Amino acid sequence: MVIALYFTPYQIRRIKVFVTLMLLFTLTFTWIVERFIGDLFLNLAKVRINQIITEEFTKVVLQEIESKEFQTEKLIRIEKDQKGKITLVQSNTLLFHKLATRIGNRMQKHINSLRKQKVAIPFGQLFGLKVLASFGPKIKISFIPMGYVEVNCLDSFESGGLNQTRFQLSVILKASYKVAIPLVSEEAKLSYKLPIIETVIVGEVPQIMLPSSLK
């Protein structure tokens, strides 16, 4: 049995108006999400992802330099004269490269594992108020690793006052990824420096012997 539906011209016009309004509403809502809400949530998502990555990076670095293989005394040798003045700062080049490689491999695995983790941001955080930070539906974040994790060491010298120089050695993490929420996505890059060795040199700057990659 076939039931035929017939509409009057007036009903057809109302249906067309309704469909048009729904289409306009959908397009307007999508534009608002992409233009305003989407950008805000993407920024919140990048902050959250960066926090997760840097916390893991700090933990990995501390675990490695606290191990017997990468103790500070083995990474950097500091010689002093009879008066206690630092005369030489020398690094173990091979050990530094090994440390950077070890940290890089562990961070690569961790970042790849974020693809499987469920990270979400409560809608209330959109308003920037602590009272509303945990309220509202949670927006799921999709994390997509891009490229390879890069870990390097960097040395720096800064004036620490009258006749003083501060020597600092840091481990630098660089990573790229894409973060996505419903309707919008964006690529992001992370660069984070973590100091692992720091000393103040009084008097003249001593002879520094560091790997070429650290200079």
N, C-alpha and C. Protein backbone atom coordinates (compact mmCIF):
# COMPACT_ATOMS: atom_id res chain seq x y z
N MET A 1 0.85 -1.20 0.00
CA MET A 1 0.00 0.00 0.00
C MET A 1 0.89 1.24 0.00
N VAL A 2 0.70 2.09 -0.94
CA VAL A 2 1.53 3.29 -1.10
C VAL A 2 0.73 4.50 -0.67
N ILE A 3 1.31 5.27 0.23
CA ILE A 3 0.66 6.48 0.70
C ILE A 3 1.33 7.68 0.04
N ALA A 4 0.57 8.44 -0.69
CA ALA A 4 1.12 9.60 -1.37
C ALA A 4 0.93 10.84 -0.50
N LEU A 5 1.98 11.65 -0.40
CA LEU A 5 1.91 12.89 0.38
C LEU A 5 1.81 14.07 -0.58
N TYR A 6 0.86 14.91 -0.29
CA TYR A 6 0.66 16.09 -1.12
C TYR A 6 0.76 17.34 -0.24
N PHE A 7 1.45 18.33 -0.75
CA PHE A 7 1.61 19.58 0.00
C PHE A 7 1.05 20.72 -0.82
N THR A 8 0.44 21.60 -0.11
CA THR A 8 -0.07 22.80 -0.76
C THR A 8 1.09 23.74 -1.04
N PRO A 9 0.93 24.68 -1.95
CA PRO A 9 2.01 25.65 -2.22
C PRO A 9 2.45 26.38 -0.96
N TYR A 10 1.52 26.68 -0.08
CA TYR A 10 1.88 27.35 1.17
C TYR A 10 2.78 26.47 2.04
N GLN A 11 2.45 25.18 2.14
CA GLN A 11 3.26 24.24 2.93
C GLN A 11 4.64 24.06 2.33
N ILE A 12 4.69 24.02 0.99
CA ILE A 12 5.99 23.88 0.32
C ILE A 12 6.88 25.09 0.63
N ARG A 13 6.31 26.28 0.61
CA ARG A 13 7.08 27.49 0.92
C ARG A 13 7.59 27.44 2.35
N ARG A 14 6.76 26.97 3.29
CA ARG A 14 7.18 26.88 4.69
C ARG A 14 8.32 25.88 4.86
N ILE A 15 8.23 24.76 4.13
CA ILE A 15 9.30 23.76 4.20
C ILE A 15 10.60 24.34 3.66
N LYS A 16 10.52 25.07 2.55
CA LYS A 16 11.71 25.68 1.98
C LYS A 16 12.32 26.69 2.93
N VAL A 17 11.47 27.48 3.58
CA VAL A 17 11.96 28.47 4.55
C VAL A 17 12.63 27.78 5.72
N PHE A 18 12.01 26.71 6.20
CA PHE A 18 12.57 25.96 7.33
C PHE A 18 13.93 25.37 6.99
N VAL A 19 14.02 24.74 5.81
CA VAL A 19 15.30 24.14 5.39
C VAL A 19 16.36 25.21 5.23
N THR A 20 15.98 26.35 4.66
CA THR A 20 16.93 27.45 4.47
C THR A 20 17.44 27.98 5.80
N LEU A 21 16.51 28.14 6.75
CA LEU A 21 16.91 28.64 8.07
C LEU A 21 17.82 27.64 8.78
N MET A 22 17.51 26.36 8.68
CA MET A 22 18.36 25.34 9.30
C MET A 22 19.75 25.33 8.70
N LEU A 23 19.80 25.50 7.37
CA LEU A 23 21.10 25.53 6.69
C LEU A 23 21.90 26.75 7.12
N LEU A 24 21.24 27.90 7.20
CA LEU A 24 21.92 29.12 7.65
C LEU A 24 22.40 28.98 9.09
N PHE A 25 21.55 28.39 9.94
CA PHE A 25 21.93 28.19 11.34
C PHE A 25 23.16 27.28 11.45
N THR A 26 23.15 26.19 10.68
CA THR A 26 24.27 25.25 10.70
C THR A 26 25.56 25.92 10.24
N LEU A 27 25.47 26.69 9.13
CA LEU A 27 26.66 27.37 8.61
C LEU A 27 27.16 28.43 9.59
N THR A 28 26.21 29.17 10.20
CA THR A 28 26.60 30.21 11.16
C THR A 28 27.26 29.59 12.40
N PHE A 29 26.67 28.50 12.90
CA PHE A 29 27.23 27.83 14.07
C PHE A 29 28.63 27.30 13.76
N THR A 30 28.80 26.70 12.58
CA THR A 30 30.11 26.18 12.19
C THR A 30 31.13 27.31 12.09
N TRP A 31 30.72 28.44 11.53
CA TRP A 31 31.63 29.59 11.39
C TRP A 31 32.03 30.13 12.76
N ILE A 32 31.06 30.22 13.68
CA ILE A 32 31.37 30.72 15.03
C ILE A 32 32.34 29.78 15.74
N VAL A 33 32.11 28.47 15.61
CA VAL A 33 33.00 27.48 16.25
C VAL A 33 34.41 27.60 15.69
N GLU A 34 34.53 27.67 14.36
CA GLU A 34 35.86 27.75 13.75
C GLU A 34 36.53 29.07 14.04
N ARG A 35 35.76 30.16 14.04
CA ARG A 35 36.33 31.49 14.17
C ARG A 35 36.71 31.85 15.60
N PHE A 36 35.87 31.52 16.53
CA PHE A 36 36.06 31.96 17.91
C PHE A 36 36.30 30.80 18.88
N ILE A 37 35.28 29.99 19.08
CA ILE A 37 35.39 28.91 20.06
C ILE A 37 36.49 27.93 19.68
N GLY A 38 36.59 27.60 18.38
CA GLY A 38 37.61 26.65 17.93
C GLY A 38 39.02 27.11 18.25
N ASP A 39 39.31 28.40 17.99
CA ASP A 39 40.65 28.92 18.26
C ASP A 39 40.96 28.89 19.75
N LEU A 40 39.97 29.24 20.57
CA LEU A 40 40.19 29.23 22.02
C LEU A 40 40.47 27.82 22.53
N PHE A 41 39.69 26.86 22.04
CA PHE A 41 39.91 25.49 22.48
C PHE A 41 41.21 24.92 21.94
N LEU A 42 41.60 25.30 20.73
CA LEU A 42 42.88 24.84 20.19
C LEU A 42 44.03 25.36 21.04
N ASN A 43 43.95 26.61 21.48
CA ASN A 43 44.99 27.16 22.34
C ASN A 43 45.04 26.43 23.68
N LEU A 44 43.86 26.16 24.25
CA LEU A 44 43.81 25.40 25.50
C LEU A 44 44.36 23.99 25.30
N ALA A 45 44.02 23.39 24.15
CA ALA A 45 44.50 22.04 23.86
C ALA A 45 46.01 22.01 23.73
N LYS A 46 46.59 23.01 23.05
CA LYS A 46 48.05 23.05 22.88
C LYS A 46 48.75 23.25 24.23
N VAL A 47 48.17 24.09 25.08
CA VAL A 47 48.75 24.29 26.42
C VAL A 47 48.75 22.98 27.19
N ARG A 48 47.63 22.25 27.11
CA ARG A 48 47.52 20.98 27.83
C ARG A 48 48.49 19.94 27.29
N ILE A 49 48.57 19.82 25.97
CA ILE A 49 49.49 18.85 25.36
C ILE A 49 50.94 19.21 25.68
N ASN A 50 51.28 20.50 25.59
CA ASN A 50 52.65 20.93 25.91
C ASN A 50 53.00 20.62 27.36
N GLN A 51 52.02 20.79 28.24
CA GLN A 51 52.24 20.48 29.66
C GLN A 51 52.53 19.00 29.85
N ILE A 52 51.77 18.14 29.18
CA ILE A 52 51.98 16.70 29.29
C ILE A 52 53.37 16.32 28.77
N ILE A 53 53.77 16.89 27.64
CA ILE A 53 55.06 16.55 27.02
C ILE A 53 56.21 17.05 27.87
N THR A 54 56.15 18.30 28.33
CA THR A 54 57.27 18.86 29.11
C THR A 54 57.41 18.18 30.47
N GLU A 55 56.30 17.78 31.07
CA GLU A 55 56.38 17.06 32.35
C GLU A 55 57.08 15.72 32.15
N GLU A 56 56.75 15.03 31.08
CA GLU A 56 57.40 13.74 30.79
C GLU A 56 58.87 13.95 30.45
N PHE A 57 59.17 15.00 29.70
CA PHE A 57 60.55 15.31 29.32
C PHE A 57 61.40 15.58 30.56
N THR A 58 60.87 16.37 31.47
CA THR A 58 61.59 16.66 32.71
C THR A 58 61.84 15.38 33.50
N LYS A 59 60.83 14.53 33.59
CA LYS A 59 60.97 13.27 34.32
C LYS A 59 62.02 12.38 33.67
N VAL A 60 62.00 12.28 32.35
CA VAL A 60 62.96 11.44 31.64
C VAL A 60 64.38 11.95 31.83
N VAL A 61 64.60 13.26 31.69
CA VAL A 61 65.94 13.84 31.85
C VAL A 61 66.46 13.60 33.25
N LEU A 62 65.63 13.85 34.25
CA LEU A 62 66.07 13.66 35.64
C LEU A 62 66.40 12.19 35.92
N GLN A 63 65.61 11.29 35.37
CA GLN A 63 65.87 9.86 35.56
C GLN A 63 67.21 9.47 34.94
N GLU A 64 67.50 10.02 33.77
CA GLU A 64 68.74 9.65 33.08
C GLU A 64 69.98 10.22 33.79
N ILE A 65 69.94 11.49 34.18
CA ILE A 65 71.14 12.09 34.79
C ILE A 65 71.33 11.62 36.23
N GLU A 66 70.28 11.02 36.81
CA GLU A 66 70.44 10.45 38.15
C GLU A 66 70.95 9.02 38.10
N SER A 67 70.97 8.44 36.91
CA SER A 67 71.50 7.09 36.77
C SER A 67 73.02 7.11 36.85
N LYS A 68 73.62 5.98 37.12
CA LYS A 68 75.08 5.91 37.25
C LYS A 68 75.78 6.24 35.94
N GLU A 69 75.13 5.92 34.83
CA GLU A 69 75.76 6.11 33.52
C GLU A 69 75.92 7.58 33.14
N PHE A 70 74.96 8.41 33.57
CA PHE A 70 74.99 9.81 33.15
C PHE A 70 75.07 10.77 34.34
N GLN A 71 75.83 10.43 35.33
CA GLN A 71 76.01 11.32 36.47
C GLN A 71 76.73 12.60 36.03
N THR A 72 76.43 13.68 36.74
CA THR A 72 76.99 14.98 36.37
C THR A 72 78.50 14.95 36.29
N GLU A 73 79.13 14.25 37.22
CA GLU A 73 80.59 14.19 37.24
C GLU A 73 81.15 13.52 35.99
N LYS A 74 80.35 12.65 35.36
CA LYS A 74 80.80 11.97 34.15
C LYS A 74 80.53 12.82 32.90
N LEU A 75 79.50 13.66 32.97
CA LEU A 75 79.17 14.51 31.82
C LEU A 75 80.12 15.69 31.71
N ILE A 76 80.41 16.33 32.83
CA ILE A 76 81.27 17.52 32.84
C ILE A 76 82.37 17.36 33.89
N ARG A 77 83.60 17.60 33.46
CA ARG A 77 84.74 17.56 34.39
C ARG A 77 85.22 18.99 34.61
N ILE A 78 85.24 19.38 35.87
CA ILE A 78 85.66 20.73 36.22
C ILE A 78 86.96 20.64 37.03
N GLU A 79 87.99 21.30 36.55
CA GLU A 79 89.29 21.32 37.24
C GLU A 79 89.51 22.68 37.89
N LYS A 80 90.11 22.66 39.07
CA LYS A 80 90.40 23.88 39.81
C LYS A 80 91.87 23.92 40.20
N ASP A 81 92.39 25.13 40.38
CA ASP A 81 93.78 25.26 40.83
C ASP A 81 93.84 25.20 42.35
N GLN A 82 95.00 25.45 42.90
CA GLN A 82 95.19 25.36 44.35
C GLN A 82 94.36 26.39 45.12
N LYS A 83 94.01 27.48 44.45
CA LYS A 83 93.22 28.52 45.10
C LYS A 83 91.71 28.29 44.94
N GLY A 84 91.35 27.18 44.30
CA GLY A 84 89.94 26.89 44.09
C GLY A 84 89.34 27.55 42.86
N LYS A 85 90.19 28.16 42.06
CA LYS A 85 89.72 28.82 40.84
C LYS A 85 89.52 27.79 39.73
N ILE A 86 88.40 27.86 39.05
CA ILE A 86 88.13 26.94 37.96
C ILE A 86 89.03 27.26 36.77
N THR A 87 89.78 26.25 36.34
CA THR A 87 90.72 26.44 35.23
C THR A 87 90.31 25.70 33.96
N LEU A 88 89.41 24.71 34.09
CA LEU A 88 89.03 23.92 32.92
C LEU A 88 87.63 23.35 33.10
N VAL A 89 86.84 23.46 32.04
CA VAL A 89 85.53 22.83 31.98
C VAL A 89 85.52 21.95 30.74
N GLN A 90 85.47 20.64 30.94
CA GLN A 90 85.55 19.71 29.82
C GLN A 90 84.39 18.73 29.85
N SER A 91 83.77 18.51 28.69
CA SER A 91 82.63 17.62 28.61
C SER A 91 83.00 16.30 27.95
N ASN A 92 82.22 15.29 28.27
CA ASN A 92 82.39 13.97 27.67
C ASN A 92 81.49 13.92 26.43
N THR A 93 82.09 14.18 25.26
CA THR A 93 81.32 14.32 24.01
C THR A 93 80.47 13.10 23.72
N LEU A 94 81.08 11.93 23.76
CA LEU A 94 80.36 10.70 23.42
C LEU A 94 79.20 10.44 24.39
N LEU A 95 79.45 10.74 25.66
CA LEU A 95 78.41 10.50 26.66
C LEU A 95 77.24 11.46 26.46
N PHE A 96 77.55 12.70 26.05
CA PHE A 96 76.49 13.66 25.78
C PHE A 96 75.62 13.22 24.62
N HIS A 97 76.25 12.75 23.55
CA HIS A 97 75.48 12.27 22.40
C HIS A 97 74.62 11.07 22.79
N LYS A 98 75.18 10.21 23.61
CA LYS A 98 74.44 9.03 24.05
C LYS A 98 73.24 9.44 24.91
N LEU A 99 73.46 10.44 25.77
CA LEU A 99 72.38 10.94 26.62
C LEU A 99 71.26 11.54 25.77
N ALA A 100 71.62 12.38 24.79
CA ALA A 100 70.63 13.01 23.93
C ALA A 100 69.84 11.96 23.15
N THR A 101 70.54 10.94 22.66
CA THR A 101 69.88 9.87 21.90
C THR A 101 68.93 9.08 22.78
N ARG A 102 69.37 8.77 23.99
CA ARG A 102 68.54 8.01 24.93
C ARG A 102 67.26 8.79 25.27
N ILE A 103 67.41 10.07 25.57
CA ILE A 103 66.26 10.89 25.90
C ILE A 103 65.33 11.03 24.69
N GLY A 104 65.93 11.24 23.51
CA GLY A 104 65.13 11.39 22.30
C GLY A 104 64.30 10.16 22.00
N ASN A 105 64.89 8.98 22.16
CA ASN A 105 64.15 7.73 21.90
C ASN A 105 63.00 7.55 22.88
N ARG A 106 63.23 7.86 24.14
CA ARG A 106 62.17 7.71 25.13
C ARG A 106 61.04 8.71 24.89
N MET A 107 61.40 9.94 24.50
CA MET A 107 60.38 10.95 24.24
C MET A 107 59.59 10.64 22.97
N GLN A 108 60.26 10.04 21.98
CA GLN A 108 59.55 9.67 20.76
C GLN A 108 58.47 8.64 21.07
N LYS A 109 58.81 7.66 21.89
CA LYS A 109 57.83 6.64 22.27
C LYS A 109 56.69 7.26 23.06
N HIS A 110 57.03 8.19 23.97
CA HIS A 110 55.99 8.81 24.78
C HIS A 110 55.05 9.64 23.92
N ILE A 111 55.59 10.43 23.01
CA ILE A 111 54.75 11.28 22.16
C ILE A 111 53.88 10.42 21.24
N ASN A 112 54.43 9.33 20.72
CA ASN A 112 53.63 8.43 19.89
C ASN A 112 52.48 7.82 20.69
N SER A 113 52.72 7.56 21.98
CA SER A 113 51.69 6.94 22.82
C SER A 113 50.55 7.90 23.13
N LEU A 114 50.78 9.22 22.98
CA LEU A 114 49.73 10.19 23.26
C LEU A 114 48.56 10.05 22.28
N ARG A 115 48.82 9.45 21.12
CA ARG A 115 47.76 9.25 20.14
C ARG A 115 46.64 8.37 20.73
N LYS A 116 47.03 7.44 21.63
CA LYS A 116 46.07 6.51 22.21
C LYS A 116 45.43 7.03 23.49
N GLN A 117 46.03 8.07 24.07
CA GLN A 117 45.49 8.59 25.32
C GLN A 117 44.27 9.48 25.07
N LYS A 118 43.36 9.47 26.03
CA LYS A 118 42.16 10.29 25.94
C LYS A 118 42.37 11.55 26.77
N VAL A 119 42.55 12.67 26.07
CA VAL A 119 42.73 13.96 26.73
C VAL A 119 41.50 14.81 26.43
N ALA A 120 40.92 15.40 27.45
CA ALA A 120 39.71 16.20 27.26
C ALA A 120 39.79 17.47 28.09
N ILE A 121 39.12 18.52 27.61
CA ILE A 121 39.08 19.81 28.29
C ILE A 121 37.63 20.16 28.58
N PRO A 122 37.28 20.42 29.86
CA PRO A 122 35.90 20.83 30.17
C PRO A 122 35.54 22.14 29.47
N PHE A 123 34.32 22.22 29.00
CA PHE A 123 33.87 23.41 28.26
C PHE A 123 33.98 24.67 29.12
N GLY A 124 33.86 24.52 30.44
CA GLY A 124 33.92 25.68 31.33
C GLY A 124 35.24 26.42 31.30
N GLN A 125 36.32 25.76 30.89
CA GLN A 125 37.62 26.42 30.83
C GLN A 125 37.66 27.50 29.75
N LEU A 126 36.69 27.45 28.84
CA LEU A 126 36.61 28.44 27.78
C LEU A 126 36.46 29.85 28.33
N PHE A 127 35.84 29.99 29.51
CA PHE A 127 35.56 31.31 30.08
C PHE A 127 36.72 31.84 30.93
N GLY A 128 37.73 31.00 31.19
CA GLY A 128 38.90 31.46 31.93
C GLY A 128 38.66 31.70 33.40
N LEU A 129 37.58 31.15 33.95
CA LEU A 129 37.26 31.33 35.36
C LEU A 129 37.49 30.02 36.10
N LYS A 130 38.19 30.08 37.23
CA LYS A 130 38.49 28.88 37.99
C LYS A 130 37.21 28.20 38.49
N VAL A 131 36.19 29.00 38.80
CA VAL A 131 34.94 28.44 39.32
C VAL A 131 34.27 27.54 38.28
N LEU A 132 34.42 27.90 37.01
CA LEU A 132 33.77 27.15 35.93
C LEU A 132 34.70 26.18 35.22
N ALA A 133 35.95 26.08 35.70
CA ALA A 133 36.96 25.30 34.97
C ALA A 133 36.61 23.83 34.81
N SER A 134 35.85 23.28 35.74
CA SER A 134 35.53 21.84 35.68
C SER A 134 34.09 21.57 35.26
N PHE A 135 33.36 22.61 34.84
CA PHE A 135 31.96 22.44 34.48
C PHE A 135 31.79 22.30 32.97
N GLY A 136 30.66 21.73 32.60
CA GLY A 136 30.31 21.62 31.20
C GLY A 136 30.80 20.33 30.58
N PRO A 137 30.34 20.05 29.36
CA PRO A 137 30.78 18.83 28.66
C PRO A 137 32.27 18.89 28.35
N LYS A 138 32.90 17.74 28.29
CA LYS A 138 34.33 17.68 28.00
C LYS A 138 34.57 17.52 26.50
N ILE A 139 35.43 18.40 25.98
CA ILE A 139 35.78 18.36 24.57
C ILE A 139 37.01 17.48 24.39
N LYS A 140 36.87 16.42 23.61
CA LYS A 140 37.98 15.50 23.42
C LYS A 140 39.02 16.08 22.47
N ILE A 141 40.29 15.84 22.82
CA ILE A 141 41.40 16.33 22.01
C ILE A 141 42.05 15.15 21.31
N SER A 142 42.27 15.30 20.02
CA SER A 142 43.00 14.29 19.25
C SER A 142 44.42 14.79 19.03
N PHE A 143 45.39 13.92 19.31
CA PHE A 143 46.80 14.28 19.19
C PHE A 143 47.42 13.45 18.07
N ILE A 144 48.08 14.14 17.13
CA ILE A 144 48.70 13.46 15.99
C ILE A 144 50.18 13.85 15.93
N PRO A 145 51.11 12.94 16.26
CA PRO A 145 52.54 13.25 16.17
C PRO A 145 52.94 13.54 14.72
N MET A 146 53.88 14.46 14.55
CA MET A 146 54.38 14.79 13.21
C MET A 146 55.90 14.87 13.25
N GLY A 147 56.56 14.19 12.35
CA GLY A 147 58.01 14.26 12.30
C GLY A 147 58.66 13.53 13.45
N TYR A 148 59.91 13.86 13.71
CA TYR A 148 60.70 13.20 14.73
C TYR A 148 60.99 14.15 15.88
N VAL A 149 61.17 13.57 17.03
CA VAL A 149 61.57 14.35 18.21
C VAL A 149 63.07 14.65 18.12
N GLU A 150 63.43 15.88 18.41
CA GLU A 150 64.84 16.29 18.36
C GLU A 150 65.29 16.73 19.75
N VAL A 151 66.38 16.14 20.21
CA VAL A 151 66.94 16.48 21.51
C VAL A 151 68.40 16.90 21.33
N ASN A 152 68.76 18.08 21.83
CA ASN A 152 70.12 18.60 21.74
C ASN A 152 70.55 19.18 23.07
N CYS A 153 71.86 19.40 23.18
CA CYS A 153 72.42 20.06 24.37
C CYS A 153 72.92 21.44 23.97
N LEU A 154 72.81 22.39 24.89
CA LEU A 154 73.22 23.76 24.61
C LEU A 154 73.93 24.34 25.83
N ASP A 155 75.06 24.99 25.57
CA ASP A 155 75.77 25.65 26.66
C ASP A 155 75.61 27.15 26.51
N SER A 156 75.66 27.85 27.63
CA SER A 156 75.53 29.31 27.60
C SER A 156 76.34 29.93 28.72
N PHE A 157 76.84 31.15 28.47
CA PHE A 157 77.58 31.91 29.46
C PHE A 157 76.88 33.25 29.64
N GLU A 158 76.61 33.61 30.90
CA GLU A 158 75.96 34.88 31.20
C GLU A 158 76.70 35.57 32.33
N SER A 159 76.70 36.88 32.27
CA SER A 159 77.33 37.65 33.34
C SER A 159 76.52 37.51 34.60
N GLY A 160 77.19 37.12 35.68
CA GLY A 160 76.50 36.92 36.95
C GLY A 160 76.80 37.99 37.97
N GLY A 161 77.34 39.13 37.52
CA GLY A 161 77.70 40.19 38.43
C GLY A 161 79.16 40.58 38.24
N LEU A 162 79.70 41.28 39.22
CA LEU A 162 81.07 41.76 39.14
C LEU A 162 82.05 40.60 39.11
N ASN A 163 82.78 40.50 37.98
CA ASN A 163 83.83 39.50 37.82
C ASN A 163 83.30 38.06 38.01
N GLN A 164 82.05 37.84 37.61
CA GLN A 164 81.44 36.51 37.73
C GLN A 164 80.77 36.12 36.41
N THR A 165 80.87 34.85 36.08
CA THR A 165 80.24 34.32 34.87
C THR A 165 79.46 33.05 35.23
N ARG A 166 78.23 33.00 34.78
CA ARG A 166 77.41 31.81 35.04
C ARG A 166 77.45 30.89 33.83
N PHE A 167 77.88 29.67 34.07
CA PHE A 167 77.93 28.65 33.00
C PHE A 167 76.74 27.71 33.18
N GLN A 168 76.01 27.50 32.10
CA GLN A 168 74.82 26.66 32.18
C GLN A 168 74.79 25.69 31.00
N LEU A 169 74.45 24.46 31.28
CA LEU A 169 74.31 23.45 30.24
C LEU A 169 72.88 22.91 30.30
N SER A 170 72.20 22.94 29.16
CA SER A 170 70.78 22.58 29.12
C SER A 170 70.53 21.51 28.06
N VAL A 171 69.43 20.79 28.25
CA VAL A 171 68.95 19.84 27.26
C VAL A 171 67.71 20.44 26.62
N ILE A 172 67.67 20.48 25.30
CA ILE A 172 66.57 21.13 24.58
C ILE A 172 65.76 20.08 23.82
N LEU A 173 64.46 20.17 23.98
CA LEU A 173 63.53 19.28 23.27
C LEU A 173 62.78 20.08 22.21
N LYS A 174 62.72 19.53 21.00
CA LYS A 174 61.92 20.11 19.92
C LYS A 174 61.03 19.03 19.34
N ALA A 175 59.76 19.35 19.20
CA ALA A 175 58.80 18.37 18.66
C ALA A 175 57.71 19.11 17.91
N SER A 176 57.11 18.44 16.94
CA SER A 176 55.99 19.01 16.19
C SER A 176 54.84 18.01 16.22
N TYR A 177 53.63 18.54 16.23
CA TYR A 177 52.45 17.69 16.29
C TYR A 177 51.24 18.45 15.77
N LYS A 178 50.13 17.75 15.58
CA LYS A 178 48.87 18.36 15.21
C LYS A 178 47.85 18.05 16.29
N VAL A 179 47.13 19.08 16.71
CA VAL A 179 46.10 18.90 17.71
C VAL A 179 44.75 19.18 17.05
N ALA A 180 43.76 18.37 17.35
CA ALA A 180 42.46 18.49 16.70
C ALA A 180 41.33 18.32 17.69
N ILE A 181 40.30 19.14 17.51
CA ILE A 181 39.05 19.01 18.24
C ILE A 181 37.95 18.98 17.18
N PRO A 182 36.73 18.66 17.54
CA PRO A 182 35.68 18.61 16.53
C PRO A 182 35.62 19.89 15.68
N LEU A 183 35.65 19.73 14.37
CA LEU A 183 35.52 20.76 13.35
C LEU A 183 36.82 21.49 13.01
N VAL A 184 37.78 21.57 13.92
CA VAL A 184 39.01 22.33 13.63
C VAL A 184 40.24 21.55 14.09
N SER A 185 41.38 21.87 13.45
CA SER A 185 42.66 21.28 13.82
C SER A 185 43.76 22.28 13.50
N GLU A 186 44.93 22.07 14.09
CA GLU A 186 46.04 23.00 13.88
C GLU A 186 47.36 22.32 14.21
N GLU A 187 48.39 22.62 13.42
CA GLU A 187 49.72 22.11 13.68
C GLU A 187 50.41 22.99 14.73
N ALA A 188 51.26 22.38 15.52
CA ALA A 188 51.95 23.11 16.58
C ALA A 188 53.38 22.60 16.73
N LYS A 189 54.23 23.47 17.25
CA LYS A 189 55.62 23.11 17.51
C LYS A 189 55.94 23.43 18.97
N LEU A 190 56.76 22.58 19.55
CA LEU A 190 57.16 22.76 20.94
C LEU A 190 58.68 22.82 21.03
N SER A 191 59.18 23.82 21.75
CA SER A 191 60.61 23.93 22.04
C SER A 191 60.74 24.21 23.53
N TYR A 192 61.47 23.35 24.22
CA TYR A 192 61.56 23.45 25.68
C TYR A 192 63.00 23.21 26.13
N LYS A 193 63.51 24.11 26.96
CA LYS A 193 64.89 24.01 27.45
C LYS A 193 64.89 23.70 28.94
N LEU A 194 65.66 22.67 29.31
CA LEU A 194 65.76 22.26 30.71
C LEU A 194 67.22 22.29 31.15
N PRO A 195 67.61 23.23 32.02
CA PRO A 195 68.99 23.27 32.53
C PRO A 195 69.29 22.05 33.39
N ILE A 196 70.47 21.45 33.18
CA ILE A 196 70.84 20.27 33.98
C ILE A 196 72.14 20.51 34.75
N ILE A 197 72.96 21.43 34.29
CA ILE A 197 74.21 21.75 34.99
C ILE A 197 74.36 23.26 35.01
N GLU A 198 74.71 23.80 36.18
CA GLU A 198 74.90 25.24 36.29
C GLU A 198 75.97 25.52 37.35
N THR A 199 76.89 26.40 37.02
CA THR A 199 77.94 26.76 37.97
C THR A 199 78.34 28.21 37.75
N VAL A 200 78.77 28.87 38.81
CA VAL A 200 79.21 30.26 38.74
C VAL A 200 80.74 30.29 38.78
N ILE A 201 81.33 30.92 37.77
CA ILE A 201 82.78 31.02 37.66
C ILE A 201 83.21 32.42 38.10
N VAL A 202 84.06 32.46 39.12
CA VAL A 202 84.56 33.74 39.64
C VAL A 202 85.92 34.01 39.02
N GLY A 203 86.10 35.22 38.48
CA GLY A 203 87.37 35.58 37.85
C GLY A 203 87.32 35.38 36.35
N GLU A 204 88.46 35.11 35.76
CA GLU A 204 88.53 34.93 34.32
C GLU A 204 87.82 33.65 33.90
N VAL A 205 87.25 33.68 32.71
CA VAL A 205 86.59 32.50 32.17
C VAL A 205 87.64 31.46 31.83
N PRO A 206 87.52 30.24 32.34
CA PRO A 206 88.53 29.21 32.10
C PRO A 206 88.43 28.64 30.68
N GLN A 207 89.35 27.77 30.38
CA GLN A 207 89.31 27.07 29.09
C GLN A 207 88.09 26.15 29.07
N ILE A 208 87.33 26.24 27.98
CA ILE A 208 86.11 25.44 27.85
C ILE A 208 86.30 24.45 26.72
N MET A 209 86.09 23.21 27.02
CA MET A 209 86.21 22.16 26.02
C MET A 209 84.89 21.43 25.91
N LEU A 210 84.08 21.82 24.92
CA LEU A 210 82.76 21.24 24.74
C LEU A 210 82.66 20.64 23.33
N PRO A 211 81.72 19.71 23.13
CA PRO A 211 81.52 19.14 21.80
C PRO A 211 81.11 20.22 20.82
N SER A 212 81.42 20.03 19.53
CA SER A 212 81.08 21.01 18.51
C SER A 212 79.59 21.24 18.44
N SER A 213 78.79 20.21 18.75
CA SER A 213 77.34 20.34 18.69
C SER A 213 76.80 21.20 19.81
N LEU A 214 77.63 21.47 20.82
CA LEU A 214 77.18 22.29 21.95
C LEU A 214 77.58 23.74 21.79
N LYS A 215 78.38 24.02 20.79
CA LYS A 215 78.88 25.39 20.65
C LYS A 215 78.01 26.18 19.70
